[in-house]
C-alpha atoms as a PDB file:
ATOM      1  CA  MET A   1     -58.165  36.526  -5.878  1.00  0.00           C
ATOM      2  CA  ASN A   2     -55.707  36.966  -8.692  1.00  0.00           C
ATOM      3  CA  TRP A   3     -52.172  38.026  -7.488  1.00  0.00           C
ATOM      4  CA  ARG A   4     -49.742  39.203  -9.961  1.00  0.00           C
ATOM      5  CA  ARG A   5     -45.815  39.706  -9.284  1.00  0.00           C
ATOM      6  CA  PRO A   6     -44.920  43.501  -8.917  1.00  0.00           C
ATOM      7  CA  GLN A   7     -43.114  44.451 -12.191  1.00  0.00           C
ATOM      8  CA  GLY A   8     -39.295  44.397 -11.785  1.00  0.00           C
ATOM      9  CA  GLN A   9     -39.301  41.550  -9.220  1.00  0.00           C
ATOM     10  CA  ARG A  10     -38.704  38.574 -11.535  1.00  0.00           C
ATOM     11  CA  THR A  11     -36.702  35.476 -10.781  1.00  0.00           C
ATOM     12  CA  TYR A  12     -34.341  33.668 -13.067  1.00  0.00           C
ATOM     13  CA  PRO A  13     -34.073  29.988 -11.579  1.00  0.00           C
ATOM     14  CA  LEU A  14     -32.446  28.625 -14.640  1.00  0.00           C
ATOM     15  CA  ILE A  15     -29.805  31.251 -14.893  1.00  0.00           C
ATOM     16  CA  HIS A  16     -29.051  30.878 -11.345  1.00  0.00           C
ATOM     17  CA  ALA A  17     -28.633  27.288 -11.548  1.00  0.00           C
ATOM     18  CA  MET A  18     -26.298  27.600 -14.488  1.00  0.00           C
ATOM     19  CA  ILE A  19     -24.086  30.112 -12.513  1.00  0.00           C
ATOM     20  CA  ALA A  20     -23.904  27.648  -9.775  1.00  0.00           C
ATOM     21  CA  VAL A  21     -22.857  25.053 -11.873  1.00  0.00           C
ATOM     22  CA  ALA A  22     -20.166  26.901 -13.672  1.00  0.00           C
ATOM     23  CA  ILE A  23     -18.759  27.956 -10.233  1.00  0.00           C
ATOM     24  CA  VAL A  24     -18.535  24.221  -9.087  1.00  0.00           C
ATOM     25  CA  LEU A  25     -16.915  23.280 -12.445  1.00  0.00           C
ATOM     26  CA  ALA A  26     -14.350  25.983 -11.999  1.00  0.00           C
ATOM     27  CA  LEU A  27     -13.370  24.957  -8.436  1.00  0.00           C
ATOM     28  CA  LEU A  28     -13.475  21.133  -9.053  1.00  0.00           C
ATOM     29  CA  PRO A  29      -9.606  20.806 -10.144  1.00  0.00           C
ATOM     30  CA  ALA A  30      -8.718  22.697  -6.901  1.00  0.00           C
ATOM     31  CA  LEU A  31     -10.966  20.476  -4.726  1.00  0.00           C
ATOM     32  CA  ILE A  32      -9.637  17.432  -6.326  1.00  0.00           C
ATOM     33  CA  MET A  33      -6.157  18.400  -5.722  1.00  0.00           C
ATOM     34  CA  ALA A  34      -6.558  19.802  -2.383  1.00  0.00           C
ATOM     35  CA  PRO A  35      -6.095  16.483  -0.354  1.00  0.00           C
ATOM     36  CA  ALA A  36      -2.728  15.428  -1.519  1.00  0.00           C
ATOM     37  CA  ASN A  37      -1.251  19.073  -1.217  1.00  0.00           C
ATOM     38  CA  ALA A  38      -2.914  19.690   1.971  1.00  0.00           C
ATOM     39  CA  GLY A  39      -1.157  16.611   3.426  1.00  0.00           C
ATOM     40  CA  ALA A  40       2.346  17.773   2.565  1.00  0.00           C
ATOM     41  CA  ALA A  41       1.581  21.371   3.775  1.00  0.00           C
ATOM     42  CA  SER A  42       0.093  20.180   6.893  1.00  0.00           C
ATOM     43  CA  PHE A  43       3.115  18.192   8.113  1.00  0.00           C
ATOM     44  CA  MET A  44       5.470  21.018   7.387  1.00  0.00           C
ATOM     45  CA  ALA A  45       3.101  23.476   9.131  1.00  0.00           C
ATOM     46  CA  SER A  46       2.231  21.251  11.951  1.00  0.00           C
ATOM     47  CA  TRP A  47       5.369  19.431  13.259  1.00  0.00           C
ATOM     48  CA  PRO A  48       6.700  22.617  14.949  1.00  0.00           C
ATOM     49  CA  TYR A  49       3.418  22.733  17.015  1.00  0.00           C
ATOM     50  CA  LYS A  50       3.868  19.117  17.958  1.00  0.00           C
ATOM     51  CA  ALA A  51       7.440  19.413  18.867  1.00  0.00           C
ATOM     52  CA  ASN A  52       6.388  22.202  21.143  1.00  0.00           C
ATOM     53  CA  LEU A  53       3.770  19.836  22.922  1.00  0.00           C
ATOM     54  CA  LEU A  54       6.755  17.403  23.406  1.00  0.00           C
ATOM     55  CA  GLY A  55       9.078  20.290  24.790  1.00  0.00           C
ATOM     56  CA  ALA A  56      11.661  19.403  21.752  1.00  0.00           C
ATOM     57  CA  GLU A  57      14.117  22.066  20.951  1.00  0.00           C
ATOM     58  CA  GLN A  58      15.944  20.102  18.432  1.00  0.00           C
ATOM     59  CA  VAL A  59      13.835  18.277  15.711  1.00  0.00           C
ATOM     60  CA  VAL A  60      15.028  15.765  13.225  1.00  0.00           C
ATOM     61  CA  VAL A  61      12.938  16.353  10.045  1.00  0.00           C
ATOM     62  CA  VAL A  62      12.561  13.465   7.656  1.00  0.00           C
ATOM     63  CA  GLU A  63      10.759  14.459   4.301  1.00  0.00           C
ATOM     64  CA  ALA A  64       9.295  11.815   1.949  1.00  0.00           C
ATOM     65  CA  LYS A  65       8.027  12.736  -1.617  1.00  0.00           C
ATOM     66  CA  SER A  66       5.096  10.458  -1.358  1.00  0.00           C
ATOM     67  CA  LEU A  67       3.704   7.812   0.987  1.00  0.00           C
ATOM     68  CA  ARG A  68       5.190   5.085  -1.187  1.00  0.00           C
ATOM     69  CA  SER A  69       8.751   6.759  -1.192  1.00  0.00           C
ATOM     70  CA  GLN A  70      11.616   4.458  -0.150  1.00  0.00           C
ATOM     71  CA  THR A  71      14.070   7.452   0.281  1.00  0.00           C
ATOM     72  CA  GLY A  72      13.714  10.896   2.022  1.00  0.00           C
ATOM     73  CA  VAL A  73      15.887  13.891   2.884  1.00  0.00           C
ATOM     74  CA  LEU A  74      16.886  14.597   6.567  1.00  0.00           C
ATOM     75  CA  SER A  75      17.574  17.877   8.250  1.00  0.00           C
ATOM     76  CA  LEU A  76      18.061  19.054  11.783  1.00  0.00           C
ATOM     77  CA  ARG A  77      16.141  22.199  13.127  1.00  0.00           C
ATOM     78  CA  GLU A  78      16.927  23.875  16.325  1.00  0.00           C
ATOM     79  CA  LYS A  79      14.405  26.159  18.215  1.00  0.00           C
ATOM     80  CA  ARG A  80      15.531  29.836  18.582  1.00  0.00           C
ATOM     81  CA  SER A  81      14.635  32.389  21.402  1.00  0.00           C
ATOM     82  CA  ASP A  82      12.122  33.823  19.469  1.00  0.00           C
ATOM     83  CA  GLY A  83      10.184  30.656  19.010  1.00  0.00           C
ATOM     84  CA  GLY A  84      11.299  29.983  15.212  1.00  0.00           C
ATOM     85  CA  TRP A  85      13.483  27.264  13.894  1.00  0.00           C
ATOM     86  CA  THR A  86      16.982  27.118  12.418  1.00  0.00           C
ATOM     87  CA  VAL A  87      18.191  24.692  10.077  1.00  0.00           C
ATOM     88  CA  VAL A  88      21.674  23.410  11.361  1.00  0.00           C
ATOM     89  CA  LEU A  89      21.930  20.201   9.202  1.00  0.00           C
ATOM     90  CA  SER A  90      20.333  19.846   5.771  1.00  0.00           C
ATOM     91  CA  GLY A  91      20.177  17.803   2.620  1.00  0.00           C
ATOM     92  CA  ILE A  92      21.099  14.562   4.211  1.00  0.00           C
ATOM     93  CA  PRO A  93      19.929  11.474   1.893  1.00  0.00           C
ATOM     94  CA  VAL A  94      18.129   8.734   4.029  1.00  0.00           C
ATOM     95  CA  THR A  95      16.366   5.348   3.229  1.00  0.00           C
ATOM     96  CA  LEU A  96      13.056   4.487   4.585  1.00  0.00           C
ATOM     97  CA  GLY A  97      10.631   1.457   4.849  1.00  0.00           C
ATOM     98  CA  LYS A  98      10.419  -0.523   1.457  1.00  0.00           C
ATOM     99  CA  ASN A  99       6.679   0.245   1.348  1.00  0.00           C
ATOM    100  CA  GLY A 100       6.976   3.903   2.256  1.00  0.00           C
ATOM    101  CA  ILE A 101       5.854   5.822   5.144  1.00  0.00           C
ATOM    102  CA  ALA A 102       2.645   5.913   7.380  1.00  0.00           C
ATOM    103  CA  LYS A 103       3.212   2.821   9.404  1.00  0.00           C
ATOM    104  CA  THR A 104       0.030   1.142  10.954  1.00  0.00           C
ATOM    105  CA  LYS A 105       1.065  -2.315  12.300  1.00  0.00           C
ATOM    106  CA  GLU A 106       3.878  -4.533  12.645  1.00  0.00           C
ATOM    107  CA  GLY A 107       5.557  -5.932   9.942  1.00  0.00           C
ATOM    108  CA  ASP A 108       4.173  -3.703   7.328  1.00  0.00           C
ATOM    109  CA  ASP A 109       7.687  -2.396   6.222  1.00  0.00           C
ATOM    110  CA  ARG A 110       6.585   1.290   6.487  1.00  0.00           C
ATOM    111  CA  THR A 111       8.359   3.961   8.458  1.00  0.00           C
ATOM    112  CA  PRO A 112       6.066   5.664  10.888  1.00  0.00           C
ATOM    113  CA  SER A 113       4.787   9.107  10.209  1.00  0.00           C
ATOM    114  CA  GLY A 114       4.395  11.732  12.814  1.00  0.00           C
ATOM    115  CA  VAL A 115       6.559  13.354  15.880  1.00  0.00           C
ATOM    116  CA  TYR A 116       8.262  11.196  18.352  1.00  0.00           C
ATOM    117  CA  PRO A 117      10.849  11.776  20.936  1.00  0.00           C
ATOM    118  CA  LEU A 118      14.256  10.464  20.313  1.00  0.00           C
ATOM    119  CA  GLY A 119      15.570   8.081  22.913  1.00  0.00           C
ATOM    120  CA  ASP A 120      19.319   6.919  23.671  1.00  0.00           C
ATOM    121  CA  ALA A 121      22.061   6.139  21.282  1.00  0.00           C
ATOM    122  CA  PHE A 122      23.561   2.524  21.221  1.00  0.00           C
ATOM    123  CA  GLY A 123      25.725   0.413  19.000  1.00  0.00           C
ATOM    124  CA  THR A 124      28.228  -2.330  18.694  1.00  0.00           C
ATOM    125  CA  ALA A 125      31.306   0.231  18.483  1.00  0.00           C
ATOM    126  CA  SER A 126      32.393   2.127  21.235  1.00  0.00           C
ATOM    127  CA  LYS A 127      30.796   5.506  22.217  1.00  0.00           C
ATOM    128  CA  PRO A 128      31.729   8.227  19.652  1.00  0.00           C
ATOM    129  CA  LYS A 129      33.795  11.130  21.095  1.00  0.00           C
ATOM    130  CA  ALA A 130      32.075  14.144  21.913  1.00  0.00           C
ATOM    131  CA  LEU A 131      28.704  12.362  21.977  1.00  0.00           C
ATOM    132  CA  LYS A 132      26.329  13.947  24.374  1.00  0.00           C
ATOM    133  CA  LEU A 133      23.434  11.359  23.920  1.00  0.00           C
ATOM    134  CA  ALA A 134      23.406   8.504  26.545  1.00  0.00           C
ATOM    135  CA  TYR A 135      25.034   5.528  24.766  1.00  0.00           C
ATOM    136  CA  LYS A 136      25.241   1.872  25.376  1.00  0.00           C
ATOM    137  CA  GLN A 137      27.497  -0.482  23.591  1.00  0.00           C
ATOM    138  CA  THR A 138      25.629  -3.707  22.675  1.00  0.00           C
ATOM    139  CA  THR A 139      26.588  -7.285  22.996  1.00  0.00           C
ATOM    140  CA  LYS A 140      25.467 -10.485  21.437  1.00  0.00           C
ATOM    141  CA  GLN A 141      22.923 -10.880  24.407  1.00  0.00           C
ATOM    142  CA  ASP A 142      20.932  -7.881  23.368  1.00  0.00           C
ATOM    143  CA  TYR A 143      17.641  -8.040  21.610  1.00  0.00           C
ATOM    144  CA  TRP A 144      14.862  -5.764  20.798  1.00  0.00           C
ATOM    145  CA  VAL A 145      11.603  -7.810  21.009  1.00  0.00           C
ATOM    146  CA  ASP A 146       9.025  -7.519  18.092  1.00  0.00           C
ATOM    147  CA  ASP A 147       6.881 -10.353  18.817  1.00  0.00           C
ATOM    148  CA  PRO A 148       3.448  -8.772  19.530  1.00  0.00           C
ATOM    149  CA  SER A 149       2.301 -11.619  21.884  1.00  0.00           C
ATOM    150  CA  SER A 150       5.296 -11.100  24.208  1.00  0.00           C
ATOM    151  CA  ALA A 151       5.178  -8.895  27.404  1.00  0.00           C
ATOM    152  CA  ASP A 152       8.582  -7.789  26.040  1.00  0.00           C
ATOM    153  CA  TYR A 153       7.078  -6.246  22.843  1.00  0.00           C
ATOM    154  CA  ASN A 154       8.970  -3.211  21.783  1.00  0.00           C
ATOM    155  CA  ARG A 155      11.634  -3.415  24.404  1.00  0.00           C
ATOM    156  CA  TRP A 156      15.298  -3.841  24.667  1.00  0.00           C
ATOM    157  CA  VAL A 157      16.015  -6.994  26.487  1.00  0.00           C
ATOM    158  CA  ALA A 158      19.298  -8.503  27.541  1.00  0.00           C
ATOM    159  CA  TYR A 159      18.907 -12.345  27.509  1.00  0.00           C
ATOM    160  CA  ASP A 160      21.534 -14.949  27.936  1.00  0.00           C
ATOM    161  CA  GLY A 161      19.421 -18.135  26.773  1.00  0.00           C
ATOM    162  CA  ASN A 162      17.959 -19.007  23.451  1.00  0.00           C
ATOM    163  CA  PRO A 163      16.107 -16.433  21.800  1.00  0.00           C
ATOM    164  CA  VAL A 164      14.256 -18.576  19.638  1.00  0.00           C
ATOM    165  CA  ARG A 165      12.491 -20.488  22.648  1.00  0.00           C
ATOM    166  CA  LYS A 166      11.537 -17.250  24.253  1.00  0.00           C
ATOM    167  CA  TRP A 167      10.041 -14.895  21.533  1.00  0.00           C
ATOM    168  CA  HIS A 168       8.543 -15.569  18.229  1.00  0.00           C
ATOM    169  CA  SER A 169      10.147 -12.623  16.740  1.00  0.00           C
ATOM    170  CA  TYR A 170      13.114 -10.459  17.710  1.00  0.00           C
ATOM    171  CA  GLU A 171      15.933  -8.241  16.388  1.00  0.00           C
ATOM    172  CA  ARG A 172      19.531  -8.861  17.373  1.00  0.00           C
ATOM    173  CA  LEU A 173      21.137  -5.406  18.291  1.00  0.00           C
ATOM    174  CA  TYR A 174      24.559  -6.761  17.911  1.00  0.00           C
ATOM    175  CA  GLN A 175      24.826  -6.353  14.056  1.00  0.00           C
ATOM    176  CA  PRO A 176      26.686  -4.384  11.484  1.00  0.00           C
ATOM    177  CA  LEU A 177      23.631  -1.998  10.551  1.00  0.00           C
ATOM    178  CA  TYR A 178      23.594  -1.159  14.248  1.00  0.00           C
ATOM    179  CA  LYS A 179      27.120  -0.202  14.540  1.00  0.00           C
ATOM    180  CA  TYR A 180      25.695   3.230  15.591  1.00  0.00           C
ATOM    181  CA  ALA A 181      22.049   3.775  16.273  1.00  0.00           C
ATOM    182  CA  ILE A 182      19.366   5.930  17.901  1.00  0.00           C
ATOM    183  CA  VAL A 183      16.198   4.690  19.414  1.00  0.00           C
ATOM    184  CA  VAL A 184      12.902   6.542  17.843  1.00  0.00           C
ATOM    185  CA  ARG A 185      10.310   6.429  20.640  1.00  0.00           C
ATOM    186  CA  TYR A 186       7.662   5.159  18.480  1.00  0.00           C
ATOM    187  CA  ASN A 187       4.766   3.105  20.054  1.00  0.00           C
ATOM    188  CA  ASP A 188       6.209   3.218  23.751  1.00  0.00           C
ATOM    189  CA  ASP A 189       3.854   5.392  25.558  1.00  0.00           C
ATOM    190  CA  PRO A 190       1.819   3.143  25.760  1.00  0.00           C
ATOM    191  CA  ILE A 191       3.144   0.289  24.040  1.00  0.00           C
ATOM    192  CA  VAL A 192       0.232  -1.044  21.883  1.00  0.00           C
ATOM    193  CA  PRO A 193       0.790  -4.672  20.801  1.00  0.00           C
ATOM    194  CA  GLY A 194       1.058  -5.268  17.008  1.00  0.00           C
ATOM    195  CA  ARG A 195       1.310  -1.414  16.199  1.00  0.00           C
ATOM    196  CA  GLY A 196       4.981  -1.696  15.358  1.00  0.00           C
ATOM    197  CA  SER A 197       8.292  -1.706  17.119  1.00  0.00           C
ATOM    198  CA  ALA A 198      12.102  -1.427  16.856  1.00  0.00           C
ATOM    199  CA  ILE A 199      12.414   1.857  14.931  1.00  0.00           C
ATOM    200  CA  PHE A 200      15.749   3.338  14.789  1.00  0.00           C
ATOM    201  CA  LEU A 201      17.925   5.827  12.981  1.00  0.00           C
ATOM    202  CA  HIS A 202      21.026   3.563  11.759  1.00  0.00           C
ATOM    203  CA  LEU A 203      23.412   2.666   9.043  1.00  0.00           C
ATOM    204  CA  TRP A 204      22.151   1.932   5.485  1.00  0.00           C
ATOM    205  CA  ARG A 205      23.091  -1.005   3.564  1.00  0.00           C
ATOM    206  CA  GLY A 206      23.139   1.481   0.723  1.00  0.00           C
ATOM    207  CA  ALA A 207      21.520   4.546  -0.840  1.00  0.00           C
ATOM    208  CA  ASP A 208      19.071   2.446  -2.935  1.00  0.00           C
ATOM    209  CA  LYS A 209      18.283  -0.389  -0.261  1.00  0.00           C
ATOM    210  CA  PRO A 210      15.221   0.444   1.819  1.00  0.00           C
ATOM    211  CA  THR A 211      14.567  -0.680   5.252  1.00  0.00           C
ATOM    212  CA  ALA A 212      12.075  -2.826   7.216  1.00  0.00           C
ATOM    213  CA  GLY A 213      10.585   0.461   8.774  1.00  0.00           C
ATOM    214  CA  CYS A 214      13.790   2.377  10.118  1.00  0.00           C
ATOM    215  CA  ILE A 215      15.432   5.566   8.808  1.00  0.00           C
ATOM    216  CA  ALA A 216      18.956   4.823   7.648  1.00  0.00           C
ATOM    217  CA  MET A 217      21.816   6.813   6.349  1.00  0.00           C
ATOM    218  CA  SER A 218      25.545   6.675   5.763  1.00  0.00           C
ATOM    219  CA  GLU A 219      27.946   6.448   8.643  1.00  0.00           C
ATOM    220  CA  PRO A 220      29.442   9.768   8.342  1.00  0.00           C
ATOM    221  CA  ASN A 221      26.117  11.503   8.206  1.00  0.00           C
ATOM    222  CA  LEU A 222      24.804   9.536  11.266  1.00  0.00           C
ATOM    223  CA  LEU A 223      27.746  10.324  13.284  1.00  0.00           C
ATOM    224  CA  LYS A 224      27.266  14.122  12.339  1.00  0.00           C
ATOM    225  CA  LEU A 225      23.727  13.907  13.446  1.00  0.00           C
ATOM    226  CA  MET A 226      24.501  12.179  16.585  1.00  0.00           C
ATOM    227  CA  ALA A 227      27.282  14.664  17.307  1.00  0.00           C
ATOM    228  CA  ALA A 228      24.734  17.490  17.001  1.00  0.00           C
ATOM    229  CA  LEU A 229      21.889  16.046  19.235  1.00  0.00           C
ATOM    230  CA  ASP A 230      21.797  17.262  22.888  1.00  0.00           C
ATOM    231  CA  PRO A 231      19.559  15.736  25.334  1.00  0.00           C
ATOM    232  CA  ALA A 232      19.336  18.863  27.353  1.00  0.00           C
ATOM    233  CA  ARG A 233      17.287  20.020  24.243  1.00  0.00           C
ATOM    234  CA  ALA A 234      14.752  17.251  24.258  1.00  0.00           C
ATOM    235  CA  PRO A 235      15.553  16.078  20.522  1.00  0.00           C
ATOM    236  CA  ALA A 236      12.500  14.586  18.624  1.00  0.00           C
ATOM    237  CA  ILE A 237      11.946  13.303  15.082  1.00  0.00           C
ATOM    238  CA  ALA A 238       9.255  14.461  12.617  1.00  0.00           C
ATOM    239  CA  ILE A 239       8.476  12.362   9.717  1.00  0.00           C
ATOM    240  CA  GLY A 240       5.907  13.220   6.938  1.00  0.00           C
ATOM    241  CA  LEU A 241       5.579  14.494   3.312  1.00  0.00           C
ATOM    242  CA  ALA A 242       7.550  17.130   1.723  1.00  0.00           C
ATOM    243  CA  ASP A 243       5.932  20.249   0.343  1.00  0.00           C
END
């Protein structure tokens, strides 16, 4: 049986293919650029949700320009009764890990990315006036253990003996950079050996001197931030890429 296509119902496969290729080529630049921009946008859009999960009503926001940035900008946001967030401190320059952000393991010299509760404050100096955070003045017997093979990993330990004989690696908390500091509760619930430890907000060595993974700033700015934090508002920290 001979069959003919009814007139007016022709198809144009070549033309359709050419149109499809043209659409893909037109969208290609946007598709290529999407991951980098989406990462930055997703941090600024997602930290409030994650802060809400923690019950945080104060969030220290640290924005880096890229994953390799050694510096960033810090602000403090407070949650309003309508669920929005108000900026109460802004434009504070900070230094970050010498290899940037997005920490994955112990010793990678990166600052963690993400949202974490803030812990207590501590320092070699006496407690600052009007500070609401719990504060502990350190001594020469205070250490933070960053030896992944130790049961004390990522914990503050007071020890009177020789630390070299007890741990393969540790940080002395009685030192100038920790004149004032705040614990960032990274990798503490649960503690995963080797994931990273001893992350603090503390004094910087200078505006152009990166850290081994902490967030550092000038003494006046750190004291200003510490004075603004209220443990009753469950303060947290959010670290990620700026828009």
